[in-house]
Amino acid sequence: MLFYREGTNNYTLMRMPRNSAITDYVMPGNTQVKNIGDGAFSECDNLITVRISDYVETIRREAFSSCSKLTDVVMGKNVSTLESNIFYWCYELSSLTLSEKLTPETSDVYFVDDHLTTLYVPAGCGYVPPGAWDSDSLTNIVVTEGNKKYFS
């Protein structure tokens, strides 16, 4: 992994090697990584699941694009900014858990796949990007009890 220090206690995960054998990536909870950089995981063909730590606030453009085996992503509770095409060409993405801090002003998610079957919306989530429910395969939307904007 390649990280970049942008300031005191502020790091960006810049790149996971494309040929990495890692299939399940769990960001350590004690890191100070606040950003996932442009294309940081793009074309990581072995990657299947990702758990993003609660420290991360921004997922930048095409962060997970072209991850051909990626099926499951769980965002940390503090992700507030999603840039464009973060899951572009992730045709196997079937399960996505959104962050609690998403807002319409800071989220530009676009899905090109039709394989998303399950969408999890936590209690604090105030915005579900339209692209998240635009899948023909979506069969299950789970909204955590206590969400003030959404229910299912």
C-alpha atoms as a PDB file:
ATOM      1  CA  MET A   1       0.000   0.000   0.000  1.00  0.00           C
ATOM      2  CA  LEU A   2       1.114   3.512  -0.731  1.00  0.00           C
ATOM      3  CA  PHE A   3       0.074   6.325   1.604  1.00  0.00           C
ATOM      4  CA  TYR A   4       0.610  10.079   1.335  1.00  0.00           C
ATOM      5  CA  ARG A   5       0.780  12.478   4.272  1.00  0.00           C
ATOM      6  CA  GLU A   6      -1.215  15.626   3.565  1.00  0.00           C
ATOM      7  CA  GLY A   7      -0.671  17.118   6.990  1.00  0.00           C
ATOM      8  CA  THR A   8      -0.561  16.237  10.634  1.00  0.00           C
ATOM      9  CA  ASN A   9      -2.921  13.321  11.264  1.00  0.00           C
ATOM     10  CA  ASN A  10      -4.188  13.435   7.674  1.00  0.00           C
ATOM     11  CA  TYR A  11      -3.193  10.671   5.253  1.00  0.00           C
ATOM     12  CA  THR A  12      -4.467   9.504   1.899  1.00  0.00           C
ATOM     13  CA  LEU A  13      -4.403   5.885   0.797  1.00  0.00           C
ATOM     14  CA  MET A  14      -2.989   6.402  -2.695  1.00  0.00           C
ATOM     15  CA  ARG A  15      -2.634   2.904  -4.139  1.00  0.00           C
ATOM     16  CA  MET A  16      -3.055  -0.774  -3.527  1.00  0.00           C
ATOM     17  CA  PRO A  17      -0.892  -2.685  -6.026  1.00  0.00           C
ATOM     18  CA  ARG A  18      -3.021  -4.026  -8.884  1.00  0.00           C
ATOM     19  CA  ASN A  19      -1.493  -7.487  -8.630  1.00  0.00           C
ATOM     20  CA  SER A  20      -1.953  -7.748  -4.882  1.00  0.00           C
ATOM     21  CA  ALA A  21      -3.173 -11.146  -3.693  1.00  0.00           C
ATOM     22  CA  ILE A  22      -5.367  -9.490  -1.042  1.00  0.00           C
ATOM     23  CA  THR A  23      -9.003 -10.533  -1.437  1.00  0.00           C
ATOM     24  CA  ASP A  24     -10.502  -9.054   1.745  1.00  0.00           C
ATOM     25  CA  TYR A  25      -9.244  -5.644   2.813  1.00  0.00           C
ATOM     26  CA  VAL A  26     -10.149  -4.239   6.215  1.00  0.00           C
ATOM     27  CA  MET A  27      -8.741  -0.785   6.868  1.00  0.00           C
ATOM     28  CA  PRO A  28      -7.222  -0.753  10.347  1.00  0.00           C
ATOM     29  CA  GLY A  29      -9.382   1.214  12.753  1.00  0.00           C
ATOM     30  CA  ASN A  30      -6.430   2.959  14.343  1.00  0.00           C
ATOM     31  CA  THR A  31      -5.128   4.609  11.164  1.00  0.00           C
ATOM     32  CA  GLN A  32      -5.276   8.301  10.385  1.00  0.00           C
ATOM     33  CA  VAL A  33      -6.235   7.735   6.753  1.00  0.00           C
ATOM     34  CA  LYS A  34      -8.922  10.305   5.999  1.00  0.00           C
ATOM     35  CA  ASN A  35      -9.041   9.901   2.228  1.00  0.00           C
ATOM     36  CA  ILE A  36      -9.043   7.133  -0.331  1.00  0.00           C
ATOM     37  CA  GLY A  37      -7.339   8.606  -3.383  1.00  0.00           C
ATOM     38  CA  ASP A  38      -8.299   8.678  -7.068  1.00  0.00           C
ATOM     39  CA  GLY A  39      -8.185   5.121  -8.414  1.00  0.00           C
ATOM     40  CA  ALA A  40      -6.574   3.824  -5.206  1.00  0.00           C
ATOM     41  CA  PHE A  41      -7.985   0.306  -5.653  1.00  0.00           C
ATOM     42  CA  SER A  42      -8.750   0.443  -9.379  1.00  0.00           C
ATOM     43  CA  GLU A  43      -8.125  -2.749 -11.333  1.00  0.00           C
ATOM     44  CA  CYS A  44      -7.380  -4.782  -8.182  1.00  0.00           C
ATOM     45  CA  ASP A  45      -8.812  -7.908  -9.727  1.00  0.00           C
ATOM     46  CA  ASN A  46      -8.419 -10.119  -6.636  1.00  0.00           C
ATOM     47  CA  LEU A  47     -10.274  -7.771  -4.287  1.00  0.00           C
ATOM     48  CA  ILE A  48     -13.639  -9.193  -3.140  1.00  0.00           C
ATOM     49  CA  THR A  49     -14.592  -7.317   0.037  1.00  0.00           C
ATOM     50  CA  VAL A  50     -13.631  -3.955   1.523  1.00  0.00           C
ATOM     51  CA  ARG A  51     -14.321  -2.559   4.991  1.00  0.00           C
ATOM     52  CA  ILE A  52     -13.536   1.159   5.199  1.00  0.00           C
ATOM     53  CA  SER A  53     -12.503   2.523   8.593  1.00  0.00           C
ATOM     54  CA  ASP A  54     -14.492   5.138  10.484  1.00  0.00           C
ATOM     55  CA  TYR A  55     -11.605   7.621  10.066  1.00  0.00           C
ATOM     56  CA  VAL A  56     -12.129   7.921   6.305  1.00  0.00           C
ATOM     57  CA  GLU A  57     -14.096  11.006   5.252  1.00  0.00           C
ATOM     58  CA  THR A  58     -13.616  11.117   1.462  1.00  0.00           C
ATOM     59  CA  ILE A  59     -13.587   8.482  -1.261  1.00  0.00           C
ATOM     60  CA  ARG A  60     -12.181  10.071  -4.379  1.00  0.00           C
ATOM     61  CA  ARG A  61     -12.899   9.590  -8.056  1.00  0.00           C
ATOM     62  CA  GLU A  62     -12.873   6.023  -9.431  1.00  0.00           C
ATOM     63  CA  ALA A  63     -11.385   4.700  -6.175  1.00  0.00           C
ATOM     64  CA  PHE A  64     -12.646   1.153  -6.828  1.00  0.00           C
ATOM     65  CA  SER A  65     -13.187   1.267 -10.589  1.00  0.00           C
ATOM     66  CA  SER A  66     -12.671  -1.925 -12.569  1.00  0.00           C
ATOM     67  CA  CYS A  67     -12.402  -4.210  -9.537  1.00  0.00           C
ATOM     68  CA  SER A  68     -13.770  -7.181 -11.427  1.00  0.00           C
ATOM     69  CA  LYS A  69     -14.430  -9.428  -8.382  1.00  0.00           C
ATOM     70  CA  LEU A  70     -15.504  -6.809  -5.825  1.00  0.00           C
ATOM     71  CA  THR A  71     -18.805  -7.943  -4.299  1.00  0.00           C
ATOM     72  CA  ASP A  72     -19.150  -6.256  -0.912  1.00  0.00           C
ATOM     73  CA  VAL A  73     -18.263  -2.778   0.396  1.00  0.00           C
ATOM     74  CA  VAL A  74     -18.960  -1.412   3.877  1.00  0.00           C
ATOM     75  CA  MET A  75     -18.286   2.299   4.305  1.00  0.00           C
ATOM     76  CA  GLY A  76     -17.122   3.650   7.649  1.00  0.00           C
ATOM     77  CA  LYS A  77     -19.580   5.853   9.498  1.00  0.00           C
ATOM     78  CA  ASN A  78     -17.711   9.116   8.779  1.00  0.00           C
ATOM     79  CA  VAL A  79     -17.490   8.953   4.991  1.00  0.00           C
ATOM     80  CA  SER A  80     -19.181  12.187   3.957  1.00  0.00           C
ATOM     81  CA  THR A  81     -17.867  12.765   0.436  1.00  0.00           C
ATOM     82  CA  LEU A  82     -18.160  10.376  -2.502  1.00  0.00           C
ATOM     83  CA  GLU A  83     -16.672  11.562  -5.758  1.00  0.00           C
ATOM     84  CA  SER A  84     -17.724  10.385  -9.196  1.00  0.00           C
ATOM     85  CA  ASN A  85     -17.602   6.844 -10.521  1.00  0.00           C
ATOM     86  CA  ILE A  86     -16.155   5.242  -7.408  1.00  0.00           C
ATOM     87  CA  PHE A  87     -17.611   1.852  -8.420  1.00  0.00           C
ATOM     88  CA  TYR A  88     -17.337   2.262 -12.187  1.00  0.00           C
ATOM     89  CA  TRP A  89     -17.013  -1.128 -13.928  1.00  0.00           C
ATOM     90  CA  CYS A  90     -17.537  -3.076 -10.691  1.00  0.00           C
ATOM     91  CA  TYR A  91     -19.928  -5.526 -12.308  1.00  0.00           C
ATOM     92  CA  GLU A  92     -19.986  -7.961  -9.384  1.00  0.00           C
ATOM     93  CA  LEU A  93     -20.746  -5.435  -6.635  1.00  0.00           C
ATOM     94  CA  SER A  94     -23.792  -6.936  -4.963  1.00  0.00           C
ATOM     95  CA  SER A  95     -23.808  -5.503  -1.429  1.00  0.00           C
ATOM     96  CA  LEU A  96     -23.152  -1.915  -0.345  1.00  0.00           C
ATOM     97  CA  THR A  97     -23.413  -0.414   3.122  1.00  0.00           C
ATOM     98  CA  LEU A  98     -23.581   3.371   3.005  1.00  0.00           C
ATOM     99  CA  SER A  99     -22.069   5.800   5.495  1.00  0.00           C
ATOM    100  CA  GLU A 100     -24.046   7.693   8.095  1.00  0.00           C
ATOM    101  CA  LYS A 101     -22.759  11.090   6.955  1.00  0.00           C
ATOM    102  CA  LEU A 102     -23.686  11.246   3.265  1.00  0.00           C
ATOM    103  CA  THR A 103     -25.438  14.379   1.997  1.00  0.00           C
ATOM    104  CA  PRO A 104     -26.707  15.372  -1.474  1.00  0.00           C
ATOM    105  CA  GLU A 105     -24.120  18.155  -1.609  1.00  0.00           C
ATOM    106  CA  THR A 106     -21.150  15.842  -1.206  1.00  0.00           C
ATOM    107  CA  SER A 107     -22.059  12.643  -3.013  1.00  0.00           C
ATOM    108  CA  ASP A 108     -21.761  11.910  -6.697  1.00  0.00           C
ATOM    109  CA  VAL A 109     -22.039   8.123  -6.909  1.00  0.00           C
ATOM    110  CA  TYR A 110     -22.672   6.432 -10.212  1.00  0.00           C
ATOM    111  CA  PHE A 111     -23.174   2.707 -10.691  1.00  0.00           C
ATOM    112  CA  VAL A 112     -22.901   1.176 -14.149  1.00  0.00           C
ATOM    113  CA  ASP A 113     -23.537  -2.367 -13.032  1.00  0.00           C
ATOM    114  CA  ASP A 114     -26.833  -4.136 -12.560  1.00  0.00           C
ATOM    115  CA  HIS A 115     -25.667  -6.577  -9.907  1.00  0.00           C
ATOM    116  CA  LEU A 116     -26.291  -4.608  -6.726  1.00  0.00           C
ATOM    117  CA  THR A 117     -28.809  -6.748  -4.843  1.00  0.00           C
ATOM    118  CA  THR A 118     -28.590  -5.407  -1.290  1.00  0.00           C
ATOM    119  CA  LEU A 119     -28.307  -1.835  -0.071  1.00  0.00           C
ATOM    120  CA  TYR A 120     -27.817  -1.102   3.635  1.00  0.00           C
ATOM    121  CA  VAL A 121     -28.786   2.357   4.920  1.00  0.00           C
ATOM    122  CA  PRO A 122     -27.604   3.040   8.494  1.00  0.00           C
ATOM    123  CA  ALA A 123     -29.625   5.010  11.043  1.00  0.00           C
ATOM    124  CA  GLY A 124     -27.648   8.230  10.609  1.00  0.00           C
ATOM    125  CA  CYS A 125     -27.599   8.218   6.800  1.00  0.00           C
ATOM    126  CA  GLY A 126     -29.375  11.308   5.474  1.00  0.00           C
ATOM    127  CA  TYR A 127     -28.856  10.688   1.761  1.00  0.00           C
ATOM    128  CA  VAL A 128     -28.983   7.685  -0.533  1.00  0.00           C
ATOM    129  CA  PRO A 129     -27.402   8.553  -3.907  1.00  0.00           C
ATOM    130  CA  PRO A 130     -29.860   7.837  -6.749  1.00  0.00           C
ATOM    131  CA  GLY A 131     -27.375   5.559  -8.501  1.00  0.00           C
ATOM    132  CA  ALA A 132     -27.454   3.246  -5.495  1.00  0.00           C
ATOM    133  CA  TRP A 133     -31.001   2.069  -6.192  1.00  0.00           C
ATOM    134  CA  ASP A 134     -30.882   2.144  -9.990  1.00  0.00           C
ATOM    135  CA  SER A 135     -29.936  -1.535 -10.305  1.00  0.00           C
ATOM    136  CA  ASP A 136     -32.365  -3.936 -11.955  1.00  0.00           C
ATOM    137  CA  SER A 137     -31.068  -6.606  -9.564  1.00  0.00           C
ATOM    138  CA  LEU A 138     -31.787  -4.699  -6.345  1.00  0.00           C
ATOM    139  CA  THR A 139     -34.026  -6.936  -4.252  1.00  0.00           C
ATOM    140  CA  ASN A 140     -33.254  -5.865  -0.700  1.00  0.00           C
ATOM    141  CA  ILE A 141     -33.014  -2.413   0.889  1.00  0.00           C
ATOM    142  CA  VAL A 142     -32.335  -2.518   4.608  1.00  0.00           C
ATOM    143  CA  VAL A 143     -32.823   0.715   6.548  1.00  0.00           C
ATOM    144  CA  THR A 144     -31.596   0.589  10.133  1.00  0.00           C
ATOM    145  CA  GLU A 145     -34.223   1.458  12.726  1.00  0.00           C
ATOM    146  CA  GLY A 146     -33.991   5.069  13.841  1.00  0.00           C
ATOM    147  CA  ASN A 147     -33.216   6.573  10.435  1.00  0.00           C
ATOM    148  CA  LYS A 148     -35.093   9.891  10.316  1.00  0.00           C
ATOM    149  CA  LYS A 149     -35.180  10.243   6.532  1.00  0.00           C
ATOM    150  CA  TYR A 150     -35.656   6.744   5.177  1.00  0.00           C
ATOM    151  CA  PHE A 151     -37.574   3.627   6.151  1.00  0.00           C
ATOM    152  CA  SER A 152     -38.297   0.298   4.482  1.00  0.00           C
END
